[in-house]
Amino acid sequence: MKSRFAILIFLILPIFGNAQDFELKKPNVEELNAELKKTNYTQDVTYLYLNRNYKAESEKLEAKKYDYPDYSICAFKQKFENGIVYSEEQCTEAGGITTKLTLPKTDKKSLIQWVELIFKSSSMGIEHGWNSEKTKFGPTDDGAGCYFEIKETENNTEIDMYCGC
């Protein structure tokens, strides 16, 4: 009897023991917007959010620099706690900024809210909306603005972002 009970526990436990989806900390729109204003909107809001809410686990990796006078960093990757990886690229002249956020499997409902709050933190007065599957968020006229795309892989959730013309 005890062995049957033990076997039953080992069979049922994994069902209840599966890790829940990761949930990003809710962005504080007012604080992010105030910080962006202080930096004259020179920082990416997602990177600013990560630095305010998660511990960096690496320096900037795979850094690339502009070819002109100040030779500042125009592309890099950085790792944060909880397996979060951020990458940014804005090396082309007038090319906008492309970012990618790789997360542990993330609850989609909270992710949708996160995208909307991140966008609201740096809103540019352009009407944005979701596609019918709630996987793409961008300008309703498909023009200049910020585009977000949520992708699911076997082990992760990814958000590809682009802001520009």
C-alpha atoms as a PDB file:
ATOM      1  CA  MET A   1       0.000   0.000   0.000  1.00  0.00           C
ATOM      2  CA  LYS A   2       2.781   2.442   0.921  1.00  0.00           C
ATOM      3  CA  SER A   3       4.605   1.766  -2.343  1.00  0.00           C
ATOM      4  CA  ARG A   4       1.452   2.440  -4.386  1.00  0.00           C
ATOM      5  CA  PHE A   5       0.944   5.697  -2.521  1.00  0.00           C
ATOM      6  CA  ALA A   6       4.590   6.687  -3.132  1.00  0.00           C
ATOM      7  CA  ILE A   7       4.288   5.873  -6.847  1.00  0.00           C
ATOM      8  CA  LEU A   8       1.067   7.889  -7.063  1.00  0.00           C
ATOM      9  CA  ILE A   9       2.745  10.882  -5.383  1.00  0.00           C
ATOM     10  CA  PHE A  10       5.688  10.716  -7.817  1.00  0.00           C
ATOM     11  CA  LEU A  11       3.299  10.595 -10.769  1.00  0.00           C
ATOM     12  CA  ILE A  12       1.099  13.469  -9.593  1.00  0.00           C
ATOM     13  CA  LEU A  13       3.783  15.753  -8.145  1.00  0.00           C
ATOM     14  CA  PRO A  14       5.251  16.798 -11.526  1.00  0.00           C
ATOM     15  CA  ILE A  15       1.800  17.962 -12.639  1.00  0.00           C
ATOM     16  CA  PHE A  16       1.620  20.427  -9.754  1.00  0.00           C
ATOM     17  CA  GLY A  17       5.345  21.054  -9.554  1.00  0.00           C
ATOM     18  CA  ASN A  18       5.780  22.580 -13.015  1.00  0.00           C
ATOM     19  CA  ALA A  19       7.155  26.076 -12.809  1.00  0.00           C
ATOM     20  CA  GLN A  20       4.717  28.814 -13.569  1.00  0.00           C
ATOM     21  CA  ASP A  21       5.391  31.198 -16.412  1.00  0.00           C
ATOM     22  CA  PHE A  22       7.772  34.038 -15.640  1.00  0.00           C
ATOM     23  CA  GLU A  23       6.129  37.412 -15.086  1.00  0.00           C
ATOM     24  CA  LEU A  24       7.970  40.683 -15.712  1.00  0.00           C
ATOM     25  CA  LYS A  25       7.842  43.338 -13.015  1.00  0.00           C
ATOM     26  CA  LYS A  26       5.262  45.996 -13.869  1.00  0.00           C
ATOM     27  CA  PRO A  27       6.896  49.107 -15.396  1.00  0.00           C
ATOM     28  CA  ASN A  28       6.409  52.346 -13.471  1.00  0.00           C
ATOM     29  CA  VAL A  29       5.332  54.610 -16.347  1.00  0.00           C
ATOM     30  CA  GLU A  30       5.777  57.906 -14.490  1.00  0.00           C
ATOM     31  CA  GLU A  31       9.286  57.068 -13.221  1.00  0.00           C
ATOM     32  CA  LEU A  32      10.464  55.771 -16.593  1.00  0.00           C
ATOM     33  CA  ASN A  33       9.074  58.804 -18.396  1.00  0.00           C
ATOM     34  CA  ALA A  34      10.740  61.179 -15.916  1.00  0.00           C
ATOM     35  CA  GLU A  35      14.079  59.368 -16.325  1.00  0.00           C
ATOM     36  CA  LEU A  36      13.794  59.456 -20.120  1.00  0.00           C
ATOM     37  CA  LYS A  37      13.195  63.220 -19.981  1.00  0.00           C
ATOM     38  CA  LYS A  38      16.313  63.640 -17.802  1.00  0.00           C
ATOM     39  CA  THR A  39      18.408  61.850 -20.425  1.00  0.00           C
ATOM     40  CA  ASN A  40      16.729  63.798 -23.238  1.00  0.00           C
ATOM     41  CA  TYR A  41      15.331  60.483 -24.562  1.00  0.00           C
ATOM     42  CA  THR A  42      18.819  59.168 -25.384  1.00  0.00           C
ATOM     43  CA  GLN A  43      18.336  55.846 -23.561  1.00  0.00           C
ATOM     44  CA  ASP A  44      16.178  52.967 -24.706  1.00  0.00           C
ATOM     45  CA  VAL A  45      13.202  52.655 -22.356  1.00  0.00           C
ATOM     46  CA  THR A  46      13.492  48.852 -22.179  1.00  0.00           C
ATOM     47  CA  TYR A  47      17.151  49.044 -21.145  1.00  0.00           C
ATOM     48  CA  LEU A  48      16.310  51.716 -18.590  1.00  0.00           C
ATOM     49  CA  TYR A  49      13.486  49.517 -17.243  1.00  0.00           C
ATOM     50  CA  LEU A  50      15.794  46.479 -16.943  1.00  0.00           C
ATOM     51  CA  ASN A  51      18.470  48.447 -15.081  1.00  0.00           C
ATOM     52  CA  ARG A  52      15.872  49.759 -12.628  1.00  0.00           C
ATOM     53  CA  ASN A  53      14.226  46.382 -11.994  1.00  0.00           C
ATOM     54  CA  TYR A  54      16.768  43.575 -12.516  1.00  0.00           C
ATOM     55  CA  LYS A  55      20.365  42.954 -11.507  1.00  0.00           C
ATOM     56  CA  ALA A  56      22.844  42.926 -14.406  1.00  0.00           C
ATOM     57  CA  GLU A  57      24.763  39.641 -14.549  1.00  0.00           C
ATOM     58  CA  SER A  58      27.246  40.771 -17.184  1.00  0.00           C
ATOM     59  CA  GLU A  59      28.883  43.838 -18.597  1.00  0.00           C
ATOM     60  CA  LYS A  60      27.924  44.926 -22.109  1.00  0.00           C
ATOM     61  CA  LEU A  61      28.920  42.024 -24.354  1.00  0.00           C
ATOM     62  CA  GLU A  62      29.655  41.907 -28.092  1.00  0.00           C
ATOM     63  CA  ALA A  63      29.891  45.714 -28.148  1.00  0.00           C
ATOM     64  CA  LYS A  64      30.194  47.495 -31.505  1.00  0.00           C
ATOM     65  CA  LYS A  65      31.126  51.152 -31.875  1.00  0.00           C
ATOM     66  CA  TYR A  66      30.239  53.859 -34.353  1.00  0.00           C
ATOM     67  CA  ASP A  67      32.883  54.583 -37.009  1.00  0.00           C
ATOM     68  CA  TYR A  68      32.723  58.331 -36.502  1.00  0.00           C
ATOM     69  CA  PRO A  69      34.256  60.827 -34.059  1.00  0.00           C
ATOM     70  CA  ASP A  70      32.932  59.838 -30.625  1.00  0.00           C
ATOM     71  CA  TYR A  71      33.219  56.067 -31.269  1.00  0.00           C
ATOM     72  CA  SER A  72      30.488  55.394 -28.732  1.00  0.00           C
ATOM     73  CA  ILE A  73      28.797  52.006 -28.422  1.00  0.00           C
ATOM     74  CA  CYS A  74      26.024  51.474 -30.965  1.00  0.00           C
ATOM     75  CA  ALA A  75      25.276  47.783 -30.382  1.00  0.00           C
ATOM     76  CA  PHE A  76      25.654  45.368 -27.466  1.00  0.00           C
ATOM     77  CA  LYS A  77      24.145  42.492 -25.543  1.00  0.00           C
ATOM     78  CA  GLN A  78      23.741  42.231 -21.768  1.00  0.00           C
ATOM     79  CA  LYS A  79      22.531  39.522 -19.395  1.00  0.00           C
ATOM     80  CA  PHE A  80      20.272  40.190 -16.415  1.00  0.00           C
ATOM     81  CA  GLU A  81      19.015  38.042 -13.547  1.00  0.00           C
ATOM     82  CA  ASN A  82      16.295  35.433 -14.183  1.00  0.00           C
ATOM     83  CA  GLY A  83      17.856  34.526 -17.527  1.00  0.00           C
ATOM     84  CA  ILE A  84      16.867  37.815 -19.203  1.00  0.00           C
ATOM     85  CA  VAL A  85      19.029  38.818 -22.189  1.00  0.00           C
ATOM     86  CA  TYR A  86      18.815  42.279 -23.778  1.00  0.00           C
ATOM     87  CA  SER A  87      20.408  43.239 -27.094  1.00  0.00           C
ATOM     88  CA  GLU A  88      20.406  46.602 -28.847  1.00  0.00           C
ATOM     89  CA  GLU A  89      21.563  47.762 -32.278  1.00  0.00           C
ATOM     90  CA  GLN A  90      21.469  51.292 -33.684  1.00  0.00           C
ATOM     91  CA  CYS A  91      24.640  51.485 -35.748  1.00  0.00           C
ATOM     92  CA  THR A  92      23.157  52.711 -39.026  1.00  0.00           C
ATOM     93  CA  GLU A  93      22.705  56.413 -39.598  1.00  0.00           C
ATOM     94  CA  ALA A  94      19.021  57.368 -39.235  1.00  0.00           C
ATOM     95  CA  GLY A  95      18.179  53.677 -38.975  1.00  0.00           C
ATOM     96  CA  GLY A  96      16.250  53.699 -35.722  1.00  0.00           C
ATOM     97  CA  ILE A  97      16.897  51.279 -32.878  1.00  0.00           C
ATOM     98  CA  THR A  98      16.378  47.536 -32.914  1.00  0.00           C
ATOM     99  CA  THR A  99      16.205  45.704 -29.600  1.00  0.00           C
ATOM    100  CA  LYS A 100      15.533  42.140 -28.572  1.00  0.00           C
ATOM    101  CA  LEU A 101      14.509  40.890 -25.172  1.00  0.00           C
ATOM    102  CA  THR A 102      14.839  37.176 -24.437  1.00  0.00           C
ATOM    103  CA  LEU A 103      12.944  35.999 -21.371  1.00  0.00           C
ATOM    104  CA  PRO A 104      12.086  32.740 -19.680  1.00  0.00           C
ATOM    105  CA  LYS A 105       8.667  31.466 -20.849  1.00  0.00           C
ATOM    106  CA  THR A 106       6.408  34.363 -19.919  1.00  0.00           C
ATOM    107  CA  ASP A 107       2.700  34.655 -19.200  1.00  0.00           C
ATOM    108  CA  LYS A 108       1.217  36.246 -22.340  1.00  0.00           C
ATOM    109  CA  LYS A 109      -1.427  38.349 -20.567  1.00  0.00           C
ATOM    110  CA  SER A 110       1.186  40.011 -18.348  1.00  0.00           C
ATOM    111  CA  LEU A 111       3.494  40.398 -21.358  1.00  0.00           C
ATOM    112  CA  ILE A 112       0.814  42.254 -23.326  1.00  0.00           C
ATOM    113  CA  GLN A 113       0.318  44.615 -20.381  1.00  0.00           C
ATOM    114  CA  TRP A 114       4.100  45.063 -20.092  1.00  0.00           C
ATOM    115  CA  VAL A 115       4.415  46.032 -23.792  1.00  0.00           C
ATOM    116  CA  GLU A 116       1.618  48.590 -23.429  1.00  0.00           C
ATOM    117  CA  LEU A 117       3.190  50.127 -20.308  1.00  0.00           C
ATOM    118  CA  ILE A 118       6.688  50.255 -21.829  1.00  0.00           C
ATOM    119  CA  PHE A 119       5.209  51.969 -24.883  1.00  0.00           C
ATOM    120  CA  LYS A 120       3.245  54.381 -22.688  1.00  0.00           C
ATOM    121  CA  SER A 121       6.494  55.250 -20.843  1.00  0.00           C
ATOM    122  CA  SER A 122       7.969  56.700 -24.019  1.00  0.00           C
ATOM    123  CA  SER A 123       4.814  57.397 -25.973  1.00  0.00           C
ATOM    124  CA  MET A 124       5.275  59.536 -29.019  1.00  0.00           C
ATOM    125  CA  GLY A 125       1.680  60.558 -29.630  1.00  0.00           C
ATOM    126  CA  ILE A 126       1.180  58.039 -32.438  1.00  0.00           C
ATOM    127  CA  GLU A 127      -1.805  55.697 -32.228  1.00  0.00           C
ATOM    128  CA  HIS A 128      -0.690  52.086 -31.721  1.00  0.00           C
ATOM    129  CA  GLY A 129      -2.633  48.833 -31.490  1.00  0.00           C
ATOM    130  CA  TRP A 130      -2.436  45.026 -31.467  1.00  0.00           C
ATOM    131  CA  ASN A 131      -2.979  42.593 -34.305  1.00  0.00           C
ATOM    132  CA  SER A 132      -5.800  40.060 -33.823  1.00  0.00           C
ATOM    133  CA  GLU A 133      -3.451  37.394 -32.341  1.00  0.00           C
ATOM    134  CA  LYS A 134      -1.980  39.919 -29.867  1.00  0.00           C
ATOM    135  CA  THR A 135       1.541  39.090 -31.046  1.00  0.00           C
ATOM    136  CA  LYS A 136       2.345  42.385 -32.791  1.00  0.00           C
ATOM    137  CA  PHE A 137       1.902  45.908 -31.432  1.00  0.00           C
ATOM    138  CA  GLY A 138       2.651  48.948 -33.570  1.00  0.00           C
ATOM    139  CA  PRO A 139       1.371  52.088 -35.286  1.00  0.00           C
ATOM    140  CA  THR A 140      -2.129  51.566 -36.636  1.00  0.00           C
ATOM    141  CA  ASP A 141      -1.117  53.320 -39.881  1.00  0.00           C
ATOM    142  CA  ASP A 142       2.003  51.099 -40.292  1.00  0.00           C
ATOM    143  CA  GLY A 143       4.144  54.260 -40.407  1.00  0.00           C
ATOM    144  CA  ALA A 144       6.868  55.654 -38.153  1.00  0.00           C
ATOM    145  CA  GLY A 145       6.771  54.573 -34.527  1.00  0.00           C
ATOM    146  CA  CYS A 146       7.634  51.602 -32.349  1.00  0.00           C
ATOM    147  CA  TYR A 147       6.929  48.012 -33.302  1.00  0.00           C
ATOM    148  CA  PHE A 148       6.846  45.105 -30.842  1.00  0.00           C
ATOM    149  CA  GLU A 149       6.572  41.440 -31.806  1.00  0.00           C
ATOM    150  CA  ILE A 150       6.144  38.620 -29.289  1.00  0.00           C
ATOM    151  CA  LYS A 151       7.598  35.260 -30.319  1.00  0.00           C
ATOM    152  CA  GLU A 152       7.506  31.949 -28.472  1.00  0.00           C
ATOM    153  CA  THR A 153      10.351  29.451 -28.754  1.00  0.00           C
ATOM    154  CA  GLU A 154      10.574  26.063 -27.110  1.00  0.00           C
ATOM    155  CA  ASN A 155      12.295  27.453 -24.008  1.00  0.00           C
ATOM    156  CA  ASN A 156      11.842  31.224 -24.128  1.00  0.00           C
ATOM    157  CA  THR A 157       9.649  34.167 -24.927  1.00  0.00           C
ATOM    158  CA  GLU A 158      11.221  36.819 -27.150  1.00  0.00           C
ATOM    159  CA  ILE A 159      10.179  40.385 -27.838  1.00  0.00           C
ATOM    160  CA  ASP A 160      11.610  41.996 -30.959  1.00  0.00           C
ATOM    161  CA  MET A 161      11.307  45.782 -30.914  1.00  0.00           C
ATOM    162  CA  TYR A 162      12.047  48.465 -33.473  1.00  0.00           C
ATOM    163  CA  CYS A 163      11.554  52.214 -33.120  1.00  0.00           C
ATOM    164  CA  GLY A 164      12.143  54.532 -36.044  1.00  0.00           C
ATOM    165  CA  CYS A 165      10.876  55.800 -39.362  1.00  0.00           C
END
